C-alpha cells in the first residue's frame, strides 16, 4: 500500500495560526489583568502599612503628652498645648535616649500640621528654642482631602478649639482629656480616631 506524502494544506495552517493567535491574545489579556490586580493590591497594601505606621507614631506621641510649656523661636512662652487651624503643638515625654548617648532631654516638642493634602509631623531638637533652631518635618500621611481636630474636656464634651470657652471661661486643665481626629482621604473614604491623653499630663 502506498503511503501518502501529503502535508498540511494552506487552509489548515491558517486555521491553526488563527487558533494560536486567539489563545495568545486570551493568555496575554489574562496575564495583564493578573499583573494589574497584583499592582493595585500592592499599592493598597503599601498605603495600609503607611497609615498603620502613622497611627502608631501618633498614638505614641499623644499617649505621652505632658503639660510642659516651652520658649519658642521668638523668645515668647508657648503653651503646653497649642492649637491652631490644622495645627497642633505639644510636649511629650518618653523621647528615648539609649544609654544617654545624646546630651538632650527625654522630653520632645512635637507638632502635627495639615498642608497640601499631607499630614506632617514636626519636631524640634530642643524644648526651649533659640531663633536659629530649625524643626525637622516628616510626612506621615498623603492623599488627605481634609482633617478635623476635636478636643474632649473633663466634662466629656467635644470642642473644635482649645482651650474652649465654657461659660465664658477657659477650662482649668492645660490639656484636653482626649483628641479626636477625623481623616478624609481622597477617593478612599473617611476615618476617625480617638487618642486618650494620660491624666498625669494635666497634673
N, C-alpha and C. Protein backbone atom coordinates (compact mmCIF):
# COMPACT_ATOMS: atom_id res chain seq x y z
N UNK A 1 0.85 -1.19 0.00
CA UNK A 1 0.00 0.00 0.00
C UNK A 1 0.88 1.23 0.00
N UNK A 2 0.58 2.20 -0.85
CA UNK A 2 1.42 3.39 -0.98
C UNK A 2 1.10 4.40 0.11
N UNK A 3 2.17 4.89 0.81
CA UNK A 3 1.98 5.88 1.86
C UNK A 3 1.75 7.25 1.26
N UNK A 4 0.91 8.05 1.95
CA UNK A 4 0.62 9.41 1.48
C UNK A 4 1.68 10.37 2.00
N UNK A 5 2.25 11.15 1.09
CA UNK A 5 3.23 12.18 1.48
C UNK A 5 2.60 13.55 1.56
N UNK A 6 1.27 13.59 1.56
CA UNK A 6 0.57 14.87 1.59
C UNK A 6 0.72 15.56 2.95
N UNK A 7 1.16 16.83 3.01
CA UNK A 7 1.32 17.58 4.26
C UNK A 7 0.07 18.39 4.56
N UNK A 8 0.24 19.42 5.43
CA UNK A 8 -0.88 20.29 5.77
C UNK A 8 -1.19 21.20 4.61
N UNK A 9 -2.45 21.43 4.45
CA UNK A 9 -2.86 22.38 3.42
C UNK A 9 -2.74 23.80 3.95
N UNK A 10 -2.78 24.76 3.05
CA UNK A 10 -2.67 26.17 3.44
C UNK A 10 -3.81 26.57 4.37
N UNK A 11 -4.99 26.07 4.06
CA UNK A 11 -6.15 26.40 4.91
C UNK A 11 -5.97 25.86 6.32
N UNK A 12 -5.44 24.62 6.44
CA UNK A 12 -5.21 24.03 7.76
C UNK A 12 -4.18 24.84 8.55
N UNK A 13 -3.15 25.30 7.86
CA UNK A 13 -2.11 26.10 8.54
C UNK A 13 -2.70 27.43 9.01
N UNK A 14 -3.52 28.06 8.15
CA UNK A 14 -4.12 29.35 8.53
C UNK A 14 -5.06 29.19 9.72
N UNK A 15 -5.83 28.07 9.69
CA UNK A 15 -6.73 27.83 10.83
C UNK A 15 -5.94 27.62 12.12
N UNK A 16 -4.84 26.87 12.05
CA UNK A 16 -4.00 26.63 13.23
C UNK A 16 -3.41 27.93 13.75
N UNK A 17 -2.93 28.78 12.81
CA UNK A 17 -2.37 30.08 13.22
C UNK A 17 -3.44 30.96 13.84
N UNK A 18 -4.65 30.92 13.29
CA UNK A 18 -5.74 31.72 13.83
C UNK A 18 -6.08 31.29 15.25
N UNK A 19 -6.16 29.98 15.46
CA UNK A 19 -6.45 29.46 16.81
C UNK A 19 -5.33 29.83 17.78
N UNK A 20 -4.09 29.71 17.33
CA UNK A 20 -2.95 30.07 18.18
C UNK A 20 -2.99 31.55 18.55
N UNK A 21 -3.36 32.40 17.56
CA UNK A 21 -3.43 33.85 17.83
C UNK A 21 -4.49 34.16 18.87
N UNK A 22 -5.65 33.48 18.75
CA UNK A 22 -6.73 33.70 19.73
C UNK A 22 -6.28 33.29 21.13
N UNK A 23 -5.64 32.12 21.23
CA UNK A 23 -5.16 31.64 22.54
C UNK A 23 -4.12 32.60 23.10
N UNK A 24 -3.23 33.11 22.24
CA UNK A 24 -2.19 34.04 22.69
C UNK A 24 -2.80 35.33 23.22
N UNK A 25 -3.83 35.85 22.50
CA UNK A 25 -4.49 37.08 22.95
C UNK A 25 -5.17 36.87 24.30
N UNK A 26 -5.90 35.76 24.43
CA UNK A 26 -6.60 35.47 25.69
C UNK A 26 -5.60 35.32 26.83
N UNK A 27 -4.50 34.63 26.56
CA UNK A 27 -3.47 34.44 27.59
C UNK A 27 -2.85 35.77 28.00
N UNK A 28 -2.55 36.63 26.99
CA UNK A 28 -1.95 37.94 27.28
C UNK A 28 -2.90 38.81 28.10
N UNK A 29 -4.19 38.82 27.72
CA UNK A 29 -5.17 39.61 28.47
C UNK A 29 -5.30 39.12 29.90
N UNK A 30 -5.31 37.79 30.06
CA UNK A 30 -5.40 37.24 31.41
C UNK A 30 -4.20 37.59 32.25
N UNK A 31 -3.02 37.51 31.66
CA UNK A 31 -1.80 37.86 32.38
C UNK A 31 -1.77 39.33 32.73
N UNK A 32 -2.23 40.18 31.79
CA UNK A 32 -2.27 41.62 32.06
C UNK A 32 -3.21 41.94 33.22
N UNK A 33 -4.37 41.27 33.26
CA UNK A 33 -5.32 41.50 34.35
C UNK A 33 -4.75 41.07 35.68
N UNK A 34 -4.04 39.95 35.68
CA UNK A 34 -3.43 39.46 36.91
C UNK A 34 -2.37 40.44 37.41
N UNK A 35 -1.54 40.96 36.48
CA UNK A 35 -0.48 41.89 36.87
C UNK A 35 -1.07 43.20 37.39
N UNK A 36 -2.14 43.69 36.73
CA UNK A 36 -2.77 44.92 37.20
C UNK A 36 -3.40 44.73 38.57
N UNK A 37 -4.05 43.59 38.78
CA UNK A 37 -4.65 43.31 40.08
C UNK A 37 -3.59 43.23 41.16
N UNK A 38 -2.46 42.59 40.83
CA UNK A 38 -1.37 42.50 41.79
C UNK A 38 -0.80 43.88 42.10
N UNK A 39 -0.69 44.73 41.07
CA UNK A 39 -0.16 46.08 41.29
C UNK A 39 -1.10 46.89 42.18
N UNK A 40 -2.42 46.79 41.91
CA UNK A 40 -3.38 47.51 42.75
C UNK A 40 -3.33 47.00 44.18
N UNK A 41 -3.22 45.71 44.35
CA UNK A 41 -3.14 45.12 45.68
C UNK A 41 -1.88 45.58 46.40
N UNK A 42 -0.77 45.66 45.65
CA UNK A 42 0.49 46.10 46.25
C UNK A 42 0.41 47.55 46.70
N UNK A 43 -0.24 48.39 45.87
CA UNK A 43 -0.39 49.81 46.22
C UNK A 43 -1.26 49.96 47.46
N UNK A 44 -2.37 49.22 47.52
CA UNK A 44 -3.26 49.30 48.66
C UNK A 44 -2.58 48.81 49.94
N UNK A 45 -1.80 47.73 49.79
CA UNK A 45 -1.07 47.20 50.94
C UNK A 45 -0.06 48.22 51.45
N UNK A 46 0.64 48.88 50.52
CA UNK A 46 1.62 49.90 50.91
C UNK A 46 0.95 51.06 51.63
N UNK A 47 -0.22 51.49 51.14
CA UNK A 47 -0.95 52.58 51.77
C UNK A 47 -1.39 52.19 53.18
N UNK A 48 -1.87 50.95 53.33
CA UNK A 48 -2.30 50.49 54.64
C UNK A 48 -1.15 50.44 55.63
N UNK A 49 0.01 50.00 55.17
CA UNK A 49 1.19 49.94 56.04
C UNK A 49 1.62 51.34 56.44
N UNK A 50 1.58 52.30 55.50
CA UNK A 50 1.94 53.68 55.82
C UNK A 50 0.98 54.27 56.85
N UNK A 51 -0.31 53.99 56.69
CA UNK A 51 -1.30 54.52 57.64
C UNK A 51 -1.10 53.89 59.02
N UNK A 52 -0.90 52.60 59.07
CA UNK A 52 -0.72 51.93 60.36
C UNK A 52 0.50 52.49 61.09
N UNK A 53 1.60 52.70 60.35
CA UNK A 53 2.80 53.27 60.96
C UNK A 53 2.53 54.68 61.47
N UNK A 54 1.82 55.48 60.67
CA UNK A 54 1.49 56.85 61.08
C UNK A 54 0.64 56.84 62.34
N UNK A 55 -0.35 55.97 62.41
CA UNK A 55 -1.23 55.93 63.58
C UNK A 55 -0.48 55.44 64.82
N UNK A 56 0.47 54.55 64.65
CA UNK A 56 1.28 54.09 65.79
C UNK A 56 2.11 55.25 66.33
N UNK A 57 2.73 56.02 65.43
CA UNK A 57 3.54 57.17 65.85
C UNK A 57 2.68 58.20 66.56
N UNK A 58 1.50 58.46 66.02
CA UNK A 58 0.61 59.43 66.64
C UNK A 58 0.16 58.96 68.03
N UNK A 59 -0.16 57.69 68.15
CA UNK A 59 -0.58 57.16 69.45
C UNK A 59 0.54 57.30 70.47
N UNK A 60 1.77 57.04 70.07
CA UNK A 60 2.90 57.18 70.99
C UNK A 60 3.06 58.62 71.44
N UNK A 61 2.88 59.55 70.51
CA UNK A 61 3.03 60.97 70.85
C UNK A 61 1.92 61.42 71.80
N UNK A 62 0.67 61.17 71.42
CA UNK A 62 -0.46 61.66 72.22
C UNK A 62 -0.54 60.98 73.58
N UNK A 63 -0.17 59.71 73.65
CA UNK A 63 -0.27 58.98 74.91
C UNK A 63 0.79 59.41 75.92
N UNK A 64 1.78 60.18 75.48
CA UNK A 64 2.85 60.64 76.38
C UNK A 64 2.88 62.16 76.49
N UNK A 65 1.77 62.79 76.15
CA UNK A 65 1.69 64.24 76.23
C UNK A 65 1.73 64.71 77.69
N UNK A 66 2.47 65.78 77.94
CA UNK A 66 2.56 66.34 79.29
C UNK A 66 2.36 67.85 79.23
N UNK A 67 2.02 68.42 80.37
CA UNK A 67 1.76 69.86 80.47
C UNK A 67 3.06 70.61 80.74
N UNK A 68 3.87 70.75 79.72
CA UNK A 68 5.14 71.46 79.84
C UNK A 68 5.21 72.52 78.75
N UNK A 69 5.15 73.78 79.14
CA UNK A 69 5.26 74.87 78.16
C UNK A 69 6.71 75.03 77.73
N UNK A 70 6.93 75.78 76.64
CA UNK A 70 8.29 75.97 76.11
C UNK A 70 8.47 77.42 75.69
N UNK A 71 9.72 77.75 75.40
CA UNK A 71 10.05 79.05 74.82
C UNK A 71 10.22 78.85 73.32
N UNK A 72 9.47 79.63 72.53
CA UNK A 72 9.54 79.44 71.09
C UNK A 72 10.69 80.24 70.48
N UNK A 73 10.78 80.24 69.14
CA UNK A 73 11.90 80.89 68.46
C UNK A 73 11.91 82.40 68.62
N UNK A 74 10.78 82.99 68.98
CA UNK A 74 10.71 84.44 69.16
C UNK A 74 11.04 84.86 70.59
N UNK A 75 11.27 83.89 71.47
CA UNK A 75 11.55 84.19 72.85
C UNK A 75 10.33 84.27 73.73
N UNK A 76 9.16 83.99 73.18
CA UNK A 76 7.92 84.02 73.94
C UNK A 76 7.58 82.63 74.46
N UNK A 77 6.77 82.60 75.52
CA UNK A 77 6.36 81.32 76.08
C UNK A 77 5.21 80.74 75.28
N UNK A 78 5.37 79.51 74.84
CA UNK A 78 4.31 78.81 74.11
C UNK A 78 3.61 77.85 75.06
N UNK A 79 2.31 77.77 74.97
CA UNK A 79 1.52 76.94 75.88
C UNK A 79 1.92 75.48 75.77
N UNK A 80 1.63 74.74 76.83
CA UNK A 80 1.93 73.30 76.82
C UNK A 80 1.24 72.61 75.65
N UNK A 81 0.02 73.04 75.36
CA UNK A 81 -0.72 72.51 74.22
C UNK A 81 -1.20 73.68 73.39
N UNK A 82 -0.73 73.74 72.15
CA UNK A 82 -1.04 74.86 71.27
C UNK A 82 -1.86 74.37 70.09
N UNK A 83 -3.03 74.99 69.88
CA UNK A 83 -3.90 74.58 68.78
C UNK A 83 -4.20 75.76 67.87
N UNK A 84 -4.05 75.54 66.57
CA UNK A 84 -4.43 76.50 65.54
C UNK A 84 -5.15 75.71 64.45
N UNK A 85 -5.79 76.41 63.49
CA UNK A 85 -6.44 75.67 62.40
C UNK A 85 -5.45 74.73 61.68
N UNK A 86 -5.78 73.45 61.69
CA UNK A 86 -4.97 72.42 61.03
C UNK A 86 -3.57 72.30 61.64
N UNK A 87 -3.45 72.63 62.92
CA UNK A 87 -2.12 72.60 63.55
C UNK A 87 -2.25 72.30 65.04
N UNK A 88 -1.44 71.35 65.51
CA UNK A 88 -1.33 71.03 66.94
C UNK A 88 0.14 71.04 67.33
N UNK A 89 0.43 71.54 68.53
CA UNK A 89 1.81 71.52 69.03
C UNK A 89 1.77 71.24 70.53
N UNK A 90 2.65 70.33 70.98
CA UNK A 90 2.64 69.96 72.39
C UNK A 90 3.97 69.34 72.77
N UNK A 91 4.13 69.08 74.07
CA UNK A 91 5.33 68.45 74.60
C UNK A 91 5.01 67.01 74.99
N UNK A 92 5.88 66.11 74.65
CA UNK A 92 5.70 64.71 75.01
C UNK A 92 6.91 64.19 75.77
N UNK A 93 6.65 63.20 76.63
CA UNK A 93 7.72 62.53 77.35
C UNK A 93 8.11 61.27 76.58
N UNK A 94 9.05 60.52 77.15
CA UNK A 94 9.41 59.25 76.54
C UNK A 94 10.26 59.35 75.30
N UNK A 95 10.93 60.49 75.12
CA UNK A 95 11.84 60.66 73.98
C UNK A 95 13.10 59.85 74.28
N UNK A 96 13.22 58.69 73.66
CA UNK A 96 14.26 57.73 74.00
C UNK A 96 15.66 58.29 73.77
N UNK A 97 16.52 58.00 74.72
CA UNK A 97 17.93 58.39 74.63
C UNK A 97 18.75 57.22 75.17
N UNK A 98 18.90 56.15 74.38
CA UNK A 98 19.55 54.93 74.88
C UNK A 98 20.96 55.19 75.40
N UNK A 99 21.19 54.71 76.63
CA UNK A 99 22.50 54.83 77.28
C UNK A 99 22.96 56.28 77.40
N UNK A 100 21.99 57.21 77.30
CA UNK A 100 22.30 58.65 77.43
C UNK A 100 23.42 59.05 76.47
N UNK A 101 23.33 58.59 75.23
CA UNK A 101 24.36 58.88 74.25
C UNK A 101 24.29 60.30 73.72
N UNK A 102 23.14 60.97 73.87
CA UNK A 102 22.99 62.34 73.42
C UNK A 102 22.74 63.25 74.61
N UNK A 103 23.30 64.45 74.55
CA UNK A 103 23.09 65.42 75.61
C UNK A 103 21.80 66.18 75.37
N UNK A 104 20.70 65.53 75.65
CA UNK A 104 19.39 66.13 75.45
C UNK A 104 18.41 65.57 76.46
N UNK A 105 17.25 66.24 76.53
CA UNK A 105 16.20 65.84 77.45
C UNK A 105 15.45 64.62 76.91
N UNK A 106 14.73 63.96 77.81
CA UNK A 106 13.85 62.88 77.39
C UNK A 106 12.48 63.43 76.98
N UNK A 107 12.34 64.76 76.99
CA UNK A 107 11.12 65.42 76.53
C UNK A 107 11.35 65.93 75.11
N UNK A 108 10.26 66.03 74.37
CA UNK A 108 10.35 66.47 72.97
C UNK A 108 9.15 67.32 72.61
N UNK A 109 9.40 68.36 71.85
CA UNK A 109 8.31 69.21 71.35
C UNK A 109 7.91 68.70 69.97
N UNK A 110 6.61 68.44 69.82
CA UNK A 110 6.08 67.82 68.60
C UNK A 110 4.93 68.66 68.07
N UNK A 111 4.81 68.70 66.75
CA UNK A 111 3.67 69.38 66.13
C UNK A 111 3.13 68.52 65.00
N UNK A 112 1.83 68.65 64.76
CA UNK A 112 1.17 68.00 63.63
C UNK A 112 0.48 69.08 62.81
N UNK A 113 0.76 69.12 61.51
CA UNK A 113 0.13 70.11 60.66
C UNK A 113 -0.37 69.49 59.37
N UNK A 114 -1.51 69.98 58.93
CA UNK A 114 -2.13 69.51 57.69
C UNK A 114 -1.94 70.58 56.63
N UNK A 115 -1.23 70.23 55.54
CA UNK A 115 -0.98 71.18 54.45
C UNK A 115 -0.76 70.42 53.15
N UNK A 116 -1.29 70.95 52.08
CA UNK A 116 -1.12 70.39 50.73
C UNK A 116 -1.43 68.89 50.70
N UNK A 117 -2.55 68.53 51.30
CA UNK A 117 -3.06 67.15 51.29
C UNK A 117 -2.14 66.17 52.03
N UNK A 118 -1.32 66.69 52.94
CA UNK A 118 -0.41 65.84 53.70
C UNK A 118 -0.52 66.14 55.20
N UNK A 119 -0.34 65.10 56.01
CA UNK A 119 -0.20 65.28 57.45
C UNK A 119 1.28 65.17 57.78
N UNK A 120 1.82 66.22 58.36
CA UNK A 120 3.26 66.31 58.62
C UNK A 120 3.51 66.31 60.12
N UNK A 121 4.47 65.54 60.55
CA UNK A 121 4.92 65.54 61.95
C UNK A 121 6.19 66.37 62.04
N UNK A 122 6.15 67.38 62.88
CA UNK A 122 7.28 68.31 63.04
C UNK A 122 7.87 68.16 64.44
N UNK A 123 9.17 68.12 64.52
CA UNK A 123 9.85 68.01 65.82
C UNK A 123 10.99 69.01 65.88
N UNK A 124 11.37 69.35 67.12
CA UNK A 124 12.49 70.24 67.37
C UNK A 124 13.55 69.51 68.20
N UNK A 125 14.83 69.82 68.00
CA UNK A 125 15.88 69.12 68.75
C UNK A 125 15.93 69.50 70.23
N UNK A 126 15.35 70.66 70.59
CA UNK A 126 15.33 71.10 71.98
C UNK A 126 13.95 71.64 72.32
N UNK A 127 13.66 71.76 73.62
CA UNK A 127 12.36 72.29 74.02
C UNK A 127 12.32 73.81 73.92
N UNK A 128 13.22 74.48 74.62
CA UNK A 128 13.27 75.94 74.61
C UNK A 128 14.22 76.38 73.50
N UNK A 129 13.65 77.01 72.48
CA UNK A 129 14.37 77.21 71.23
C UNK A 129 14.95 78.61 71.09
N UNK A 130 16.14 78.65 70.52
CA UNK A 130 16.75 79.90 70.11
C UNK A 130 16.26 80.22 68.70
N UNK A 131 16.42 81.46 68.23
CA UNK A 131 15.94 81.82 66.89
C UNK A 131 16.55 80.98 65.78
N UNK A 132 17.73 80.41 66.02
CA UNK A 132 18.39 79.64 64.96
C UNK A 132 18.00 78.17 64.93
N UNK A 133 17.20 77.75 65.91
CA UNK A 133 16.81 76.33 65.97
C UNK A 133 15.72 76.07 64.92
N UNK A 134 15.98 75.10 64.05
CA UNK A 134 15.04 74.78 62.98
C UNK A 134 14.41 73.40 63.24
N UNK A 135 13.15 73.23 62.85
CA UNK A 135 12.47 71.93 63.06
C UNK A 135 12.79 70.95 61.93
N UNK A 136 12.45 69.70 62.18
CA UNK A 136 12.53 68.66 61.17
C UNK A 136 11.13 68.17 60.86
N UNK A 137 10.82 68.05 59.57
CA UNK A 137 9.49 67.63 59.15
C UNK A 137 9.53 66.22 58.55
N UNK A 138 8.45 65.47 58.81
CA UNK A 138 8.30 64.13 58.25
C UNK A 138 6.87 63.94 57.80
N UNK A 139 6.67 63.56 56.56
CA UNK A 139 5.33 63.31 56.04
C UNK A 139 4.83 61.96 56.56
N UNK A 140 3.69 62.00 57.27
CA UNK A 140 3.12 60.77 57.80
C UNK A 140 2.03 60.20 56.90
N UNK A 141 1.19 61.09 56.34
CA UNK A 141 0.07 60.64 55.52
C UNK A 141 -0.04 61.49 54.27
N UNK A 142 -0.39 60.85 53.16
CA UNK A 142 -0.61 61.54 51.90
C UNK A 142 -2.07 61.37 51.47
N UNK A 143 -2.44 62.06 50.40
CA UNK A 143 -3.77 61.93 49.79
C UNK A 143 -4.89 62.25 50.78
N UNK A 144 -4.69 63.25 51.61
CA UNK A 144 -5.72 63.69 52.55
C UNK A 144 -6.53 64.82 51.93
N UNK A 145 -7.84 64.64 51.91
CA UNK A 145 -8.72 65.69 51.40
C UNK A 145 -8.98 66.74 52.49
N UNK A 146 -9.14 66.26 53.72
CA UNK A 146 -9.41 67.17 54.84
C UNK A 146 -9.06 66.45 56.13
N UNK A 147 -8.91 67.27 57.19
CA UNK A 147 -8.66 66.72 58.52
C UNK A 147 -9.30 67.67 59.53
N UNK A 148 -9.87 67.08 60.60
CA UNK A 148 -10.53 67.90 61.62
C UNK A 148 -10.14 67.40 63.00
N UNK A 149 -9.75 68.34 63.88
CA UNK A 149 -9.40 68.02 65.25
C UNK A 149 -10.55 68.41 66.17
N UNK A 150 -10.84 67.54 67.14
CA UNK A 150 -11.83 67.84 68.18
C UNK A 150 -11.20 67.50 69.53
N UNK A 151 -11.57 68.29 70.57
CA UNK A 151 -10.91 68.16 71.86
C UNK A 151 -11.95 67.92 72.96
N UNK A 152 -11.68 66.90 73.76
CA UNK A 152 -12.60 66.49 74.81
C UNK A 152 -12.22 67.13 76.14
N UNK A 153 -13.18 67.78 76.79
CA UNK A 153 -12.94 68.37 78.10
C UNK A 153 -13.17 67.34 79.19
N UNK A 154 -12.87 67.74 80.42
CA UNK A 154 -13.09 66.86 81.55
C UNK A 154 -14.58 66.59 81.79
N UNK A 155 -15.43 67.40 81.18
CA UNK A 155 -16.88 67.20 81.31
C UNK A 155 -17.43 66.39 80.13
N UNK A 156 -16.51 65.75 79.39
CA UNK A 156 -16.87 64.85 78.29
C UNK A 156 -17.66 65.55 77.19
N UNK A 157 -17.24 66.74 76.86
CA UNK A 157 -17.81 67.47 75.73
C UNK A 157 -16.70 67.79 74.73
N UNK A 158 -17.01 67.62 73.43
CA UNK A 158 -16.03 67.89 72.39
C UNK A 158 -16.16 69.33 71.90
N UNK A 159 -14.99 69.96 71.67
CA UNK A 159 -14.94 71.30 71.11
C UNK A 159 -13.94 71.32 69.95
N UNK A 160 -14.14 72.24 69.02
CA UNK A 160 -13.28 72.31 67.85
C UNK A 160 -12.06 73.20 68.06
N UNK A 161 -11.99 73.90 69.18
CA UNK A 161 -10.83 74.73 69.50
C UNK A 161 -10.38 74.43 70.93
N UNK A 162 -9.10 74.76 71.18
CA UNK A 162 -8.57 74.58 72.53
C UNK A 162 -7.65 75.75 72.88
N UNK A 163 -7.84 76.33 74.10
CA UNK A 163 -8.88 75.98 75.09
C UNK A 163 -10.23 76.56 74.68
N UNK A 164 -11.32 75.82 74.89
CA UNK A 164 -12.64 76.33 74.54
C UNK A 164 -13.17 77.28 75.61
N UNK A 165 -14.12 78.10 75.22
CA UNK A 165 -14.80 78.96 76.18
C UNK A 165 -16.04 78.24 76.70
N UNK A 166 -16.03 77.95 78.01
CA UNK A 166 -17.16 77.28 78.66
C UNK A 166 -17.68 78.22 79.74
N UNK A 167 -18.91 78.69 79.53
CA UNK A 167 -19.47 79.68 80.46
C UNK A 167 -18.55 80.89 80.57
N UNK A 168 -18.04 81.32 79.39
CA UNK A 168 -17.16 82.49 79.28
C UNK A 168 -15.84 82.31 80.01
N UNK A 169 -15.47 81.08 80.29
CA UNK A 169 -14.20 80.80 80.95
C UNK A 169 -13.50 79.64 80.24
N UNK A 170 -12.17 79.69 80.25
CA UNK A 170 -11.40 78.58 79.71
C UNK A 170 -11.31 77.47 80.75
N UNK A 171 -11.19 76.21 80.33
CA UNK A 171 -11.08 75.10 81.30
C UNK A 171 -9.79 75.23 82.10
N UNK A 172 -9.83 74.65 83.29
CA UNK A 172 -8.68 74.74 84.18
C UNK A 172 -7.53 73.88 83.66
N UNK A 173 -7.83 72.70 83.14
CA UNK A 173 -6.77 71.78 82.73
C UNK A 173 -6.07 72.31 81.48
N UNK A 174 -4.73 72.22 81.44
CA UNK A 174 -3.99 72.73 80.28
C UNK A 174 -4.10 71.84 79.06
N UNK A 175 -4.43 70.57 79.26
CA UNK A 175 -4.52 69.62 78.16
C UNK A 175 -5.92 69.05 78.04
N UNK A 176 -6.34 68.70 76.83
CA UNK A 176 -7.64 68.03 76.69
C UNK A 176 -7.59 66.62 77.26
N UNK A 177 -8.75 66.07 77.51
CA UNK A 177 -8.85 64.70 78.02
C UNK A 177 -8.59 63.69 76.90
N UNK A 178 -8.96 64.07 75.70
CA UNK A 178 -8.74 63.22 74.53
C UNK A 178 -8.78 64.09 73.29
N UNK A 179 -8.23 63.57 72.21
CA UNK A 179 -8.24 64.28 70.93
C UNK A 179 -8.83 63.34 69.88
N UNK A 180 -9.83 63.83 69.19
CA UNK A 180 -10.47 63.07 68.11
C UNK A 180 -10.03 63.68 66.79
N UNK A 181 -9.58 62.82 65.88
CA UNK A 181 -9.12 63.30 64.58
C UNK A 181 -9.94 62.60 63.50
N UNK A 182 -10.58 63.40 62.66
CA UNK A 182 -11.35 62.88 61.53
C UNK A 182 -10.53 63.08 60.25
N UNK A 183 -10.21 61.96 59.61
CA UNK A 183 -9.45 61.99 58.36
C UNK A 183 -10.40 61.77 57.19
N UNK A 184 -10.21 62.54 56.13
CA UNK A 184 -10.94 62.34 54.88
C UNK A 184 -9.91 62.13 53.78
N UNK A 185 -9.83 60.88 53.28
CA UNK A 185 -8.85 60.54 52.27
C UNK A 185 -9.44 60.72 50.87
N UNK A 186 -8.64 61.21 49.97
CA UNK A 186 -9.09 61.46 48.60
C UNK A 186 -9.51 60.15 47.92
N UNK A 187 -10.79 60.01 47.64
CA UNK A 187 -11.30 58.84 46.95
C UNK A 187 -11.26 57.56 47.76
N UNK A 188 -11.00 57.65 49.07
CA UNK A 188 -10.86 56.44 49.87
C UNK A 188 -11.66 56.50 51.17
N UNK A 189 -12.62 57.41 51.25
CA UNK A 189 -13.49 57.43 52.41
C UNK A 189 -12.92 58.18 53.61
N UNK A 190 -13.60 58.01 54.73
CA UNK A 190 -13.27 58.74 55.96
C UNK A 190 -12.86 57.76 57.07
N UNK A 191 -12.13 58.31 58.03
CA UNK A 191 -11.68 57.51 59.18
C UNK A 191 -11.57 58.42 60.39
N UNK A 192 -12.06 57.96 61.54
CA UNK A 192 -11.98 58.73 62.78
C UNK A 192 -11.20 57.95 63.82
N UNK A 193 -10.30 58.64 64.52
CA UNK A 193 -9.51 58.02 65.58
C UNK A 193 -9.60 58.87 66.84
N UNK A 194 -9.61 58.19 67.99
CA UNK A 194 -9.65 58.88 69.28
C UNK A 194 -8.38 58.55 70.05
N UNK A 195 -7.65 59.59 70.45
CA UNK A 195 -6.41 59.42 71.21
C UNK A 195 -6.63 59.95 72.62
N UNK A 196 -6.46 59.08 73.61
CA UNK A 196 -6.63 59.49 75.00
C UNK A 196 -5.35 60.13 75.51
N UNK A 197 -5.52 61.19 76.30
CA UNK A 197 -4.39 61.89 76.91
C UNK A 197 -4.28 61.40 78.36
N UNK A 198 -3.09 60.99 78.81
CA UNK A 198 -2.97 60.49 80.18
C UNK A 198 -3.31 61.54 81.21
N UNK A 199 -3.94 61.09 82.31
CA UNK A 199 -4.35 62.02 83.37
C UNK A 199 -3.14 62.74 83.95
N UNK A 200 -1.97 62.08 83.96
CA UNK A 200 -0.76 62.72 84.52
C UNK A 200 -0.34 63.91 83.70
N UNK A 201 -0.76 63.96 82.43
CA UNK A 201 -0.38 65.08 81.59
C UNK A 201 -0.98 66.39 82.04
N UNK A 202 -2.10 66.32 82.77
CA UNK A 202 -2.76 67.53 83.25
C UNK A 202 -2.41 67.85 84.68
N UNK A 203 -1.50 67.10 85.26
CA UNK A 203 -1.17 67.34 86.67
C UNK A 203 -0.21 68.51 86.80
